[in-house]
Amino acid sequence: GNAKMNAKLLNQFMSHVRLKDYYSALNSLHTYFDYSSGSHQGLAQMDTRLGNFEHATLEMAQLHVKFGHLSEGIKALEETLRSSQQNTNHICLIHSLALMCQVISMPEYCFHQSKVATR
C-alpha cells in the first residue's frame, strides 16, 4: 500500500524531471513528501524521522539546480545543511556539501556571483 504509493509518486517526480517539466516535477516532489511524511526512508534507507525535512530540502535543491535555478538551489542547500547539522544527519550533510561544491564550481554560478558583486 504505502510503499507502492511512495514508489509511484517518486517515479512520477523523476519522470517529470526527465521531461524537463519543472512545475509538474515540483508538484510531484511536494506530493511525494506530503504523502510519505514520517515514512520516507532517507538516503541511507534507515532514517525514518517524521517529515525528513532535510531530505525534502535536498531534493528541492537538486531540482532547482537541475533546472538552472542556482540561487534557489543554494537557498535550499543552506537550509538542508542547517537541518542536517541540527539533526546529526551525516549522510544528508555529505550529499548537501557535495551538491554545494558542484554548484559553486559551475561557470553559471560564478558568472551570476560576479554580476551580483558589481551592483
PDB file of N, CA and C in Angstrom:
ATOM      1  N   GLY A   1       0.795  -1.183   0.000  1.00  0.00           N
ATOM      2  CA  GLY A   1       0.000   0.000   0.000  1.00  0.00           C
ATOM      3  C   GLY A   1       0.842   1.253   0.000  1.00  0.00           C
ATOM      4  N   ASN A   2       1.313   1.652   1.162  1.00  0.00           N
ATOM      5  CA  ASN A   2       2.028   2.911   1.310  1.00  0.00           C
ATOM      6  C   ASN A   2       3.350   2.914   0.533  1.00  0.00           C
ATOM      7  N   ALA A   3       4.083   1.815   0.588  1.00  0.00           N
ATOM      8  CA  ALA A   3       5.367   1.736  -0.126  1.00  0.00           C
ATOM      9  C   ALA A   3       5.155   1.824  -1.638  1.00  0.00           C
ATOM     10  N   LYS A   4       4.091   1.184  -2.143  1.00  0.00           N
ATOM     11  CA  LYS A   4       3.805   1.241  -3.582  1.00  0.00           C
ATOM     12  C   LYS A   4       3.437   2.657  -4.007  1.00  0.00           C
ATOM     13  N   MET A   5       2.633   3.337  -3.167  1.00  0.00           N
ATOM     14  CA  MET A   5       2.242   4.703  -3.492  1.00  0.00           C
ATOM     15  C   MET A   5       3.457   5.622  -3.472  1.00  0.00           C
ATOM     16  N   ASN A   6       4.325   5.457  -2.481  1.00  0.00           N
ATOM     17  CA  ASN A   6       5.543   6.263  -2.412  1.00  0.00           C
ATOM     18  C   ASN A   6       6.403   6.055  -3.658  1.00  0.00           C
ATOM     19  N   ALA A   7       6.563   4.805  -4.070  1.00  0.00           N
ATOM     20  CA  ALA A   7       7.358   4.498  -5.266  1.00  0.00           C
ATOM     21  C   ALA A   7       6.723   5.124  -6.503  1.00  0.00           C
ATOM     22  N   LYS A   8       5.412   5.070  -6.596  1.00  0.00           N
ATOM     23  CA  LYS A   8       4.706   5.650  -7.743  1.00  0.00           C
ATOM     24  C   LYS A   8       4.916   7.164  -7.790  1.00  0.00           C
ATOM     25  N   LEU A   9       4.780   7.812  -6.639  1.00  0.00           N
ATOM     26  CA  LEU A   9       4.963   9.266  -6.583  1.00  0.00           C
ATOM     27  C   LEU A   9       6.398   9.670  -6.908  1.00  0.00           C
ATOM     28  N   LEU A  10       7.350   8.899  -6.403  1.00  0.00           N
ATOM     29  CA  LEU A  10       8.754   9.189  -6.685  1.00  0.00           C
ATOM     30  C   LEU A  10       9.066   8.990  -8.164  1.00  0.00           C
ATOM     31  N   ASN A  11       8.504   7.954  -8.760  1.00  0.00           N
ATOM     32  CA  ASN A  11       8.694   7.712 -10.192  1.00  0.00           C
ATOM     33  C   ASN A  11       8.078   8.834 -11.030  1.00  0.00           C
ATOM     34  N   GLN A  12       6.910   9.342 -10.593  1.00  0.00           N
ATOM     35  CA  GLN A  12       6.289  10.476 -11.288  1.00  0.00           C
ATOM     36  C   GLN A  12       7.223  11.682 -11.265  1.00  0.00           C
ATOM     37  N   PHE A  13       7.777  11.955 -10.088  1.00  0.00           N
ATOM     38  CA  PHE A  13       8.698  13.076  -9.941  1.00  0.00           C
ATOM     39  C   PHE A  13       9.871  12.928 -10.906  1.00  0.00           C
ATOM     40  N   MET A  14      10.507  11.774 -10.911  1.00  0.00           N
ATOM     41  CA  MET A  14      11.678  11.559 -11.760  1.00  0.00           C
ATOM     42  C   MET A  14      11.318  11.644 -13.239  1.00  0.00           C
ATOM     43  N   SER A  15      10.134  11.189 -13.591  1.00  0.00           N
ATOM     44  CA  SER A  15       9.667  11.281 -14.974  1.00  0.00           C
ATOM     45  C   SER A  15       9.502  12.736 -15.404  1.00  0.00           C
ATOM     46  N   HIS A  16       8.924  13.552 -14.534  1.00  0.00           N
ATOM     47  CA  HIS A  16       8.756  14.981 -14.854  1.00  0.00           C
ATOM     48  C   HIS A  16      10.110  15.672 -14.998  1.00  0.00           C
ATOM     49  N   VAL A  17      11.071  15.290 -14.181  1.00  0.00           N
ATOM     50  CA  VAL A  17      12.414  15.873 -14.290  1.00  0.00           C
ATOM     51  C   VAL A  17      13.023  15.498 -15.637  1.00  0.00           C
ATOM     52  N   ARG A  18      12.910  14.222 -16.010  1.00  0.00           N
ATOM     53  CA  ARG A  18      13.451  13.777 -17.306  1.00  0.00           C
ATOM     54  C   ARG A  18      12.811  14.531 -18.465  1.00  0.00           C
ATOM     55  N   LEU A  19      11.499  14.828 -18.336  1.00  0.00           N
ATOM     56  CA  LEU A  19      10.773  15.543 -19.396  1.00  0.00           C
ATOM     57  C   LEU A  19      10.997  17.057 -19.337  1.00  0.00           C
ATOM     58  N   LYS A  20      11.791  17.499 -18.351  1.00  0.00           N
ATOM     59  CA  LYS A  20      12.099  18.919 -18.154  1.00  0.00           C
ATOM     60  C   LYS A  20      10.836  19.756 -17.893  1.00  0.00           C
ATOM     61  N   ASP A  21       9.912  19.166 -17.157  1.00  0.00           N
ATOM     62  CA  ASP A  21       8.660  19.834 -16.780  1.00  0.00           C
ATOM     63  C   ASP A  21       8.784  20.270 -15.321  1.00  0.00           C
ATOM     64  N   TYR A  22       9.306  21.479 -15.116  1.00  0.00           N
ATOM     65  CA  TYR A  22       9.624  21.965 -13.776  1.00  0.00           C
ATOM     66  C   TYR A  22       8.416  21.984 -12.842  1.00  0.00           C
ATOM     67  N   TYR A  23       7.320  22.580 -13.285  1.00  0.00           N
ATOM     68  CA  TYR A  23       6.171  22.751 -12.393  1.00  0.00           C
ATOM     69  C   TYR A  23       5.535  21.414 -12.009  1.00  0.00           C
ATOM     70  N   SER A  24       5.478  20.483 -12.945  1.00  0.00           N
ATOM     71  CA  SER A  24       4.950  19.157 -12.611  1.00  0.00           C
ATOM     72  C   SER A  24       5.910  18.417 -11.680  1.00  0.00           C
ATOM     73  N   ALA A  25       7.224  18.582 -11.906  1.00  0.00           N
ATOM     74  CA  ALA A  25       8.214  17.951 -11.032  1.00  0.00           C
ATOM     75  C   ALA A  25       8.109  18.517  -9.620  1.00  0.00           C
ATOM     76  N   LEU A  26       7.983  19.829  -9.518  1.00  0.00           N
ATOM     77  CA  LEU A  26       7.846  20.477  -8.214  1.00  0.00           C
ATOM     78  C   LEU A  26       6.594  19.992  -7.488  1.00  0.00           C
ATOM     79  N   ASN A  27       5.497  19.924  -8.211  1.00  0.00           N
ATOM     80  CA  ASN A  27       4.250  19.435  -7.624  1.00  0.00           C
ATOM     81  C   ASN A  27       4.382  17.978  -7.182  1.00  0.00           C
ATOM     82  N   SER A  28       5.004  17.156  -8.004  1.00  0.00           N
ATOM     83  CA  SER A  28       5.204  15.747  -7.656  1.00  0.00           C
ATOM     84  C   SER A  28       6.098  15.598  -6.428  1.00  0.00           C
ATOM     85  N   LEU A  29       7.117  16.433  -6.342  1.00  0.00           N
ATOM     86  CA  LEU A  29       8.018  16.376  -5.189  1.00  0.00           C
ATOM     87  C   LEU A  29       7.268  16.742  -3.908  1.00  0.00           C
ATOM     88  N   HIS A  30       6.486  17.810  -3.966  1.00  0.00           N
ATOM     89  CA  HIS A  30       5.681  18.196  -2.799  1.00  0.00           C
ATOM     90  C   HIS A  30       4.707  17.094  -2.409  1.00  0.00           C
ATOM     91  N   THR A  31       4.046  16.528  -3.396  1.00  0.00           N
ATOM     92  CA  THR A  31       3.080  15.452  -3.127  1.00  0.00           C
ATOM     93  C   THR A  31       3.773  14.248  -2.508  1.00  0.00           C
ATOM     94  N   TYR A  32       4.936  13.897  -3.046  1.00  0.00           N
ATOM     95  CA  TYR A  32       5.677  12.755  -2.507  1.00  0.00           C
ATOM     96  C   TYR A  32       6.014  12.961  -1.041  1.00  0.00           C
ATOM     97  N   PHE A  33       6.569  14.122  -0.699  1.00  0.00           N
ATOM     98  CA  PHE A  33       6.956  14.343   0.691  1.00  0.00           C
ATOM     99  C   PHE A  33       5.745  14.563   1.602  1.00  0.00           C
ATOM    100  N   ASP A  34       4.664  15.124   1.078  1.00  0.00           N
ATOM    101  CA  ASP A  34       3.438  15.233   1.871  1.00  0.00           C
ATOM    102  C   ASP A  34       2.886  13.847   2.177  1.00  0.00           C
ATOM    103  N   TYR A  35       2.857  13.001   1.166  1.00  0.00           N
ATOM    104  CA  TYR A  35       2.277  11.666   1.320  1.00  0.00           C
ATOM    105  C   TYR A  35       3.162  10.754   2.160  1.00  0.00           C
ATOM    106  N   SER A  36       4.476  10.883   1.998  1.00  0.00           N
ATOM    107  CA  SER A  36       5.394   9.960   2.681  1.00  0.00           C
ATOM    108  C   SER A  36       5.863  10.496   4.028  1.00  0.00           C
ATOM    109  N   SER A  37       5.311  11.601   4.476  1.00  0.00           N
ATOM    110  CA  SER A  37       5.740  12.203   5.744  1.00  0.00           C
ATOM    111  C   SER A  37       5.752  11.159   6.854  1.00  0.00           C
ATOM    112  N   GLY A  38       6.926  11.008   7.453  1.00  0.00           N
ATOM    113  CA  GLY A  38       7.063  10.045   8.539  1.00  0.00           C
ATOM    114  C   GLY A  38       7.485   8.665   8.086  1.00  0.00           C
ATOM    115  N   SER A  39       7.425   8.410   6.763  1.00  0.00           N
ATOM    116  CA  SER A  39       7.815   7.075   6.303  1.00  0.00           C
ATOM    117  C   SER A  39       8.911   7.115   5.251  1.00  0.00           C
ATOM    118  N   HIS A  40       9.352   8.316   4.860  1.00  0.00           N
ATOM    119  CA  HIS A  40      10.428   8.440   3.866  1.00  0.00           C
ATOM    120  C   HIS A  40      11.688   7.793   4.431  1.00  0.00           C
ATOM    121  N   GLN A  41      12.323   6.948   3.642  1.00  0.00           N
ATOM    122  CA  GLN A  41      13.460   6.162   4.127  1.00  0.00           C
ATOM    123  C   GLN A  41      14.768   6.921   4.156  1.00  0.00           C
ATOM    124  N   GLY A  42      14.847   8.029   3.478  1.00  0.00           N
ATOM    125  CA  GLY A  42      16.078   8.812   3.517  1.00  0.00           C
ATOM    126  C   GLY A  42      17.167   8.209   2.651  1.00  0.00           C
ATOM    127  N   LEU A  43      18.284   8.878   2.637  1.00  0.00           N
ATOM    128  CA  LEU A  43      19.387   8.486   1.762  1.00  0.00           C
ATOM    129  C   LEU A  43      20.029   7.179   2.185  1.00  0.00           C
ATOM    130  N   ALA A  44      19.990   6.865   3.469  1.00  0.00           N
ATOM    131  CA  ALA A  44      20.652   5.645   3.951  1.00  0.00           C
ATOM    132  C   ALA A  44      19.660   4.500   4.136  1.00  0.00           C
ATOM    133  N   GLN A  45      18.409   4.717   3.727  1.00  0.00           N
ATOM    134  CA  GLN A  45      17.367   3.697   3.863  1.00  0.00           C
ATOM    135  C   GLN A  45      17.137   3.283   5.308  1.00  0.00           C
ATOM    136  N   MET A  46      17.441   4.173   6.245  1.00  0.00           N
ATOM    137  CA  MET A  46      17.213   3.816   7.653  1.00  0.00           C
ATOM    138  C   MET A  46      16.720   4.995   8.470  1.00  0.00           C
ATOM    139  N   ASP A  47      16.689   6.162   7.910  1.00  0.00           N
ATOM    140  CA  ASP A  47      16.311   7.370   8.634  1.00  0.00           C
ATOM    141  C   ASP A  47      14.809   7.601   8.457  1.00  0.00           C
ATOM    142  N   THR A  48      14.035   7.378   9.477  1.00  0.00           N
ATOM    143  CA  THR A  48      12.576   7.465   9.336  1.00  0.00           C
ATOM    144  C   THR A  48      11.958   8.503  10.259  1.00  0.00           C
ATOM    145  N   ARG A  49      12.720   9.538  10.628  1.00  0.00           N
ATOM    146  CA  ARG A  49      12.147  10.588  11.465  1.00  0.00           C
ATOM    147  C   ARG A  49      11.018  11.284  10.734  1.00  0.00           C
ATOM    148  N   LEU A  50      10.046  11.780  11.482  1.00  0.00           N
ATOM    149  CA  LEU A  50       8.872  12.417  10.899  1.00  0.00           C
ATOM    150  C   LEU A  50       9.273  13.537   9.950  1.00  0.00           C
ATOM    151  N   GLY A  51       8.800  13.442   8.721  1.00  0.00           N
ATOM    152  CA  GLY A  51       8.982  14.503   7.752  1.00  0.00           C
ATOM    153  C   GLY A  51      10.277  14.471   6.976  1.00  0.00           C
ATOM    154  N   ASN A  52      11.369  14.096   7.629  1.00  0.00           N
ATOM    155  CA  ASN A  52      12.663  14.085   6.956  1.00  0.00           C
ATOM    156  C   ASN A  52      12.888  15.369   6.183  1.00  0.00           C
ATOM    157  N   PHE A  53      12.760  16.478   6.910  1.00  0.00           N
ATOM    158  CA  PHE A  53      12.833  17.800   6.313  1.00  0.00           C
ATOM    159  C   PHE A  53      14.099  17.992   5.490  1.00  0.00           C
ATOM    160  N   GLU A  54      15.222  17.524   6.011  1.00  0.00           N
ATOM    161  CA  GLU A  54      16.468  17.748   5.281  1.00  0.00           C
ATOM    162  C   GLU A  54      16.515  16.980   3.970  1.00  0.00           C
ATOM    163  N   HIS A  55      15.864  15.838   3.899  1.00  0.00           N
ATOM    164  CA  HIS A  55      15.822  15.103   2.632  1.00  0.00           C
ATOM    165  C   HIS A  55      14.943  15.836   1.623  1.00  0.00           C
ATOM    166  N   ALA A  56      13.851  16.399   2.112  1.00  0.00           N
ATOM    167  CA  ALA A  56      12.956  17.158   1.233  1.00  0.00           C
ATOM    168  C   ALA A  56      13.669  18.390   0.687  1.00  0.00           C
ATOM    169  N   THR A  57      14.393  19.107   1.544  1.00  0.00           N
ATOM    170  CA  THR A  57      15.078  20.311   1.070  1.00  0.00           C
ATOM    171  C   THR A  57      16.250  19.974   0.150  1.00  0.00           C
ATOM    172  N   LEU A  58      16.889  18.837   0.389  1.00  0.00           N
ATOM    173  CA  LEU A  58      17.962  18.400  -0.514  1.00  0.00           C
ATOM    174  C   LEU A  58      17.391  18.086  -1.895  1.00  0.00           C
ATOM    175  N   GLU A  59      16.278  17.375  -1.937  1.00  0.00           N
ATOM    176  CA  GLU A  59      15.633  17.077  -3.225  1.00  0.00           C
ATOM    177  C   GLU A  59      15.208  18.365  -3.920  1.00  0.00           C
ATOM    178  N   MET A  60      14.700  19.317  -3.129  1.00  0.00           N
ATOM    179  CA  MET A  60      14.299  20.603  -3.687  1.00  0.00           C
ATOM    180  C   MET A  60      15.517  21.316  -4.274  1.00  0.00           C
ATOM    181  N   ALA A  61      16.625  21.290  -3.561  1.00  0.00           N
ATOM    182  CA  ALA A  61      17.856  21.918  -4.059  1.00  0.00           C
ATOM    183  C   ALA A  61      18.299  21.264  -5.364  1.00  0.00           C
ATOM    184  N   GLN A  62      18.264  19.936  -5.399  1.00  0.00           N
ATOM    185  CA  GLN A  62      18.668  19.228  -6.611  1.00  0.00           C
ATOM    186  C   GLN A  62      17.758  19.586  -7.781  1.00  0.00           C
ATOM    187  N   LEU A  63      16.475  19.733  -7.506  1.00  0.00           N
ATOM    188  CA  LEU A  63      15.523  20.105  -8.554  1.00  0.00           C
ATOM    189  C   LEU A  63      15.860  21.496  -9.092  1.00  0.00           C
ATOM    190  N   HIS A  64      16.076  22.449  -8.195  1.00  0.00           N
ATOM    191  CA  HIS A  64      16.413  23.808  -8.631  1.00  0.00           C
ATOM    192  C   HIS A  64      17.700  23.825  -9.454  1.00  0.00           C
ATOM    193  N   VAL A  65      18.712  23.124  -8.998  1.00  0.00           N
ATOM    194  CA  VAL A  65      19.990  23.090  -9.717  1.00  0.00           C
ATOM    195  C   VAL A  65      19.805  22.463 -11.092  1.00  0.00           C
ATOM    196  N   LYS A  66      19.076  21.374 -11.141  1.00  0.00           N
ATOM    197  CA  LYS A  66      18.832  20.674 -12.412  1.00  0.00           C
ATOM    198  C   LYS A  66      18.193  21.604 -13.440  1.00  0.00           C
ATOM    199  N   PHE A  67      17.307  22.494 -12.976  1.00  0.00           N
ATOM    200  CA  PHE A  67      16.616  23.398 -13.884  1.00  0.00           C
ATOM    201  C   PHE A  67      17.301  24.756 -14.009  1.00  0.00           C
ATOM    202  N   GLY A  68      18.514  24.882 -13.441  1.00  0.00           N
ATOM    203  CA  GLY A  68      19.285  26.092 -13.601  1.00  0.00           C
ATOM    204  C   GLY A  68      18.924  27.232 -12.662  1.00  0.00           C
ATOM    205  N   HIS A  69      18.142  26.949 -11.633  1.00  0.00           N
ATOM    206  CA  HIS A  69      17.761  27.964 -10.641  1.00  0.00           C
ATOM    207  C   HIS A  69      18.786  27.925  -9.510  1.00  0.00           C
ATOM    208  N   LEU A  70      19.974  28.412  -9.801  1.00  0.00           N
ATOM    209  CA  LEU A  70      21.084  28.227  -8.872  1.00  0.00           C
ATOM    210  C   LEU A  70      20.908  28.987  -7.564  1.00  0.00           C
ATOM    211  N   SER A  71      20.377  30.194  -7.612  1.00  0.00           N
ATOM    212  CA  SER A  71      20.170  30.956  -6.369  1.00  0.00           C
ATOM    213  C   SER A  71      19.193  30.236  -5.454  1.00  0.00           C
ATOM    214  N   GLU A  72      18.109  29.733  -6.031  1.00  0.00           N
ATOM    215  CA  GLU A  72      17.130  28.988  -5.238  1.00  0.00           C
ATOM    216  C   GLU A  72      17.729  27.681  -4.740  1.00  0.00           C
ATOM    217  N   GLY A  73      18.542  27.058  -5.577  1.00  0.00           N
ATOM    218  CA  GLY A  73      19.212  25.825  -5.164  1.00  0.00           C
ATOM    219  C   GLY A  73      20.126  26.047  -3.972  1.00  0.00           C
ATOM    220  N   ILE A  74      20.867  27.155  -3.996  1.00  0.00           N
ATOM    221  CA  ILE A  74      21.763  27.489  -2.875  1.00  0.00           C
ATOM    222  C   ILE A  74      20.955  27.733  -1.606  1.00  0.00           C
ATOM    223  N   LYS A  75      19.836  28.442  -1.716  1.00  0.00           N
ATOM    224  CA  LYS A  75      18.991  28.693  -0.541  1.00  0.00           C
ATOM    225  C   LYS A  75      18.490  27.383   0.055  1.00  0.00           C
ATOM    226  N   ALA A  76      18.033  26.470  -0.796  1.00  0.00           N
ATOM    227  CA  ALA A  76      17.558  25.172  -0.307  1.00  0.00           C
ATOM    228  C   ALA A  76      18.708  24.375   0.305  1.00  0.00           C
ATOM    229  N   LEU A  77      19.883  24.463  -0.305  1.00  0.00           N
ATOM    230  CA  LEU A  77      21.047  23.761   0.243  1.00  0.00           C
ATOM    231  C   LEU A  77      21.449  24.319   1.599  1.00  0.00           C
ATOM    232  N   GLU A  78      21.402  25.627   1.760  1.00  0.00           N
ATOM    233  CA  GLU A  78      21.736  26.216   3.062  1.00  0.00           C
ATOM    234  C   GLU A  78      20.788  25.703   4.140  1.00  0.00           C
ATOM    235  N   GLU A  79      19.512  25.600   3.811  1.00  0.00           N
ATOM    236  CA  GLU A  79      18.538  25.071   4.773  1.00  0.00           C
ATOM    237  C   GLU A  79      18.805  23.592   5.047  1.00  0.00           C
ATOM    238  N   THR A  80      19.156  22.858   4.010  1.00  0.00           N
ATOM    239  CA  THR A  80      19.472  21.440   4.174  1.00  0.00           C
ATOM    240  C   THR A  80      20.677  21.255   5.087  1.00  0.00           C
ATOM    241  N   LEU A  81      21.702  22.066   4.872  1.00  0.00           N
ATOM    242  CA  LEU A  81      22.908  21.974   5.699  1.00  0.00           C
ATOM    243  C   LEU A  81      22.586  22.268   7.166  1.00  0.00           C
ATOM    244  N   ARG A  82      21.807  23.320   7.417  1.00  0.00           N
ATOM    245  CA  ARG A  82      21.425  23.645   8.810  1.00  0.00           C
ATOM    246  C   ARG A  82      20.648  22.495   9.448  1.00  0.00           C
ATOM    247  N   SER A  83      19.649  22.003   8.733  1.00  0.00           N
ATOM    248  CA  SER A  83      18.805  20.932   9.268  1.00  0.00           C
ATOM    249  C   SER A  83      19.599  19.645   9.483  1.00  0.00           C
ATOM    250  N   SER A  84      20.479  19.327   8.543  1.00  0.00           N
ATOM    251  CA  SER A  84      21.289  18.107   8.657  1.00  0.00           C
ATOM    252  C   SER A  84      22.223  18.189   9.856  1.00  0.00           C
ATOM    253  N   GLN A  85      22.804  19.375  10.076  1.00  0.00           N
ATOM    254  CA  GLN A  85      23.685  19.547  11.232  1.00  0.00           C
ATOM    255  C   GLN A  85      22.893  19.439  12.535  1.00  0.00           C
ATOM    256  N   GLN A  86      21.742  20.104  12.603  1.00  0.00           N
ATOM    257  CA  GLN A  86      20.925  20.079  13.820  1.00  0.00           C
ATOM    258  C   GLN A  86      20.449  18.679  14.161  1.00  0.00           C
ATOM    259  N   ASN A  87      20.155  17.894  13.138  1.00  0.00           N
ATOM    260  CA  ASN A  87      19.618  16.548  13.354  1.00  0.00           C
ATOM    261  C   ASN A  87      20.689  15.468  13.270  1.00  0.00           C
ATOM    262  N   THR A  88      21.940  15.871  13.239  1.00  0.00           N
ATOM    263  CA  THR A  88      23.081  14.959  13.097  1.00  0.00           C
ATOM    264  C   THR A  88      22.855  13.904  12.011  1.00  0.00           C
ATOM    265  N   ASN A  89      22.366  14.386  10.869  1.00  0.00           N
ATOM    266  CA  ASN A  89      22.146  13.518   9.715  1.00  0.00           C
ATOM    267  C   ASN A  89      23.375  13.638   8.811  1.00  0.00           C
ATOM    268  N   HIS A  90      24.396  12.844   9.126  1.00  0.00           N
ATOM    269  CA  HIS A  90      25.681  12.952   8.448  1.00  0.00           C
ATOM    270  C   HIS A  90      25.606  12.597   6.969  1.00  0.00           C
ATOM    271  N   ILE A  91      24.780  11.646   6.626  1.00  0.00           N
ATOM    272  CA  ILE A  91      24.681  11.225   5.222  1.00  0.00           C
ATOM    273  C   ILE A  91      24.081  12.349   4.375  1.00  0.00           C
ATOM    274  N   CYS A  92      23.013  12.944   4.863  1.00  0.00           N
ATOM    275  CA  CYS A  92      22.405  14.055   4.131  1.00  0.00           C
ATOM    276  C   CYS A  92      23.363  15.252   4.096  1.00  0.00           C
ATOM    277  N   LEU A  93      24.079  15.471   5.157  1.00  0.00           N
ATOM    278  CA  LEU A  93      25.055  16.560   5.219  1.00  0.00           C
ATOM    279  C   LEU A  93      26.122  16.383   4.133  1.00  0.00           C
ATOM    280  N   ILE A  94      26.625  15.172   3.994  1.00  0.00           N
ATOM    281  CA  ILE A  94      27.651  14.887   2.980  1.00  0.00           C
ATOM    282  C   ILE A  94      27.095  15.113   1.573  1.00  0.00           C
ATOM    283  N   HIS A  95      25.883  14.625   1.310  1.00  0.00           N
ATOM    284  CA  HIS A  95      25.271  14.831  -0.006  1.00  0.00           C
ATOM    285  C   HIS A  95      25.061  16.317  -0.274  1.00  0.00           C
ATOM    286  N   SER A  96      24.660  17.056   0.741  1.00  0.00           N
ATOM    287  CA  SER A  96      24.439  18.501   0.601  1.00  0.00           C
ATOM    288  C   SER A  96      25.734  19.230   0.285  1.00  0.00           C
ATOM    289  N   LEU A  97      26.787  18.890   1.002  1.00  0.00           N
ATOM    290  CA  LEU A  97      28.084  19.521   0.753  1.00  0.00           C
ATOM    291  C   LEU A  97      28.604  19.195  -0.645  1.00  0.00           C
ATOM    292  N   ALA A  98      28.391  17.965  -1.078  1.00  0.00           N
ATOM    293  CA  ALA A  98      28.826  17.577  -2.427  1.00  0.00           C
ATOM    294  C   ALA A  98      28.080  18.385  -3.483  1.00  0.00           C
ATOM    295  N   LEU A  99      26.773  18.542  -3.308  1.00  0.00           N
ATOM    296  CA  LEU A  99      25.996  19.331  -4.267  1.00  0.00           C
ATOM    297  C   LEU A  99      26.405  20.799  -4.213  1.00  0.00           C
ATOM    298  N   MET A 100      26.674  21.315  -3.019  1.00  0.00           N
ATOM    299  CA  MET A 100      27.118  22.708  -2.884  1.00  0.00           C
ATOM    300  C   MET A 100      28.427  22.914  -3.639  1.00  0.00           C
ATOM    301  N   CYS A 101      29.350  21.975  -3.518  1.00  0.00           N
ATOM    302  CA  CYS A 101      30.622  22.074  -4.247  1.00  0.00           C
ATOM    303  C   CYS A 101      30.391  22.067  -5.758  1.00  0.00           C
ATOM    304  N   GLN A 102      29.478  21.233  -6.218  1.00  0.00           N
ATOM    305  CA  GLN A 102      29.160  21.201  -7.652  1.00  0.00           C
ATOM    306  C   GLN A 102      28.617  22.548  -8.107  1.00  0.00           C
ATOM    307  N   VAL A 103      27.689  23.108  -7.334  1.00  0.00           N
ATOM    308  CA  VAL A 103      27.044  24.359  -7.730  1.00  0.00           C
ATOM    309  C   VAL A 103      28.046  25.506  -7.766  1.00  0.00           C
ATOM    310  N   ILE A 104      28.846  25.647  -6.719  1.00  0.00           N
ATOM    311  CA  ILE A 104      29.746  26.809  -6.680  1.00  0.00           C
ATOM    312  C   ILE A 104      30.893  26.694  -7.676  1.00  0.00           C
ATOM    313  N   SER A 105      31.090  25.510  -8.249  1.00  0.00           N
ATOM    314  CA  SER A 105      32.110  25.365  -9.288  1.00  0.00           C
ATOM    315  C   SER A 105      31.532  25.521 -10.693  1.00  0.00           C
ATOM    316  N   MET A 106      30.218  25.686 -10.805  1.00  0.00           N
ATOM    317  CA  MET A 106      29.587  25.851 -12.117  1.00  0.00           C
ATOM    318  C   MET A 106      29.910  27.234 -12.686  1.00  0.00           C
ATOM    319  N   PRO A 107      30.263  27.299 -13.968  1.00  0.00           N
ATOM    320  CA  PRO A 107      30.531  28.607 -14.579  1.00  0.00           C
ATOM    321  C   PRO A 107      29.336  29.567 -14.464  1.00  0.00           C
ATOM    322  N   GLU A 108      28.115  29.036 -14.589  1.00  0.00           N
ATOM    323  CA  GLU A 108      26.924  29.888 -14.489  1.00  0.00           C
ATOM    324  C   GLU A 108      26.830  30.535 -13.110  1.00  0.00           C
ATOM    325  N   TYR A 109      27.173  29.786 -12.074  1.00  0.00           N
ATOM    326  CA  TYR A 109      27.118  30.325 -10.716  1.00  0.00           C
ATOM    327  C   TYR A 109      28.181  31.409 -10.542  1.00  0.00           C
ATOM    328  N   CYS A 110      29.376  31.154 -11.041  1.00  0.00           N
ATOM    329  CA  CYS A 110      30.458  32.144 -10.935  1.00  0.00           C
ATOM    330  C   CYS A 110      30.085  33.417 -11.681  1.00  0.00           C
ATOM    331  N   PHE A 111      29.451  33.271 -12.856  1.00  0.00           N
ATOM    332  CA  PHE A 111      29.024  34.434 -13.634  1.00  0.00           C
ATOM    333  C   PHE A 111      27.965  35.217 -12.867  1.00  0.00           C
ATOM    334  N   HIS A 112      27.000  34.502 -12.291  1.00  0.00           N
ATOM    335  CA  HIS A 112      25.946  35.154 -11.509  1.00  0.00           C
ATOM    336  C   HIS A 112      26.545  35.908 -10.325  1.00  0.00           C
ATOM    337  N   GLN A 113      27.495  35.301  -9.642  1.00  0.00           N
ATOM    338  CA  GLN A 113      28.120  35.937  -8.483  1.00  0.00           C
ATOM    339  C   GLN A 113      28.890  37.194  -8.892  1.00  0.00           C
ATOM    340  N   SER A 114      29.547  37.155 -10.045  1.00  0.00           N
ATOM    341  CA  SER A 114      30.288  38.337 -10.493  1.00  0.00           C
ATOM    342  C   SER A 114      29.336  39.467 -10.849  1.00  0.00           C
ATOM    343  N   LYS A 115      28.152  39.155 -11.389  1.00  0.00           N
ATOM    344  CA  LYS A 115      27.159  40.189 -11.686  1.00  0.00           C
ATOM    345  C   LYS A 115      26.612  40.795 -10.399  1.00  0.00           C
ATOM    346  N   VAL A 116      26.383  39.963  -9.376  1.00  0.00           N
ATOM    347  CA  VAL A 116      25.866  40.443  -8.094  1.00  0.00           C
ATOM    348  C   VAL A 116      26.894  41.349  -7.432  1.00  0.00           C
ATOM    349  N   ALA A 117      28.158  41.003  -7.521  1.00  0.00           N
ATOM    350  CA  ALA A 117      29.226  41.766  -6.871  1.00  0.00           C
ATOM    351  C   ALA A 117      29.420  43.151  -7.507  1.00  0.00           C
ATOM    352  N   THR A 118      29.076  43.307  -8.775  1.00  0.00           N
ATOM    353  CA  THR A 118      29.282  44.590  -9.439  1.00  0.00           C
ATOM    354  C   THR A 118      28.104  45.549  -9.265  1.00  0.00           C
ATOM    355  N   ARG A 119      27.054  45.143  -8.629  1.00  0.00           N
ATOM    356  CA  ARG A 119      25.886  46.018  -8.435  1.00  0.00           C
ATOM    357  C   ARG A 119      26.126  47.030  -7.368  1.00  0.00           C
TER     358      ARG A 119
END
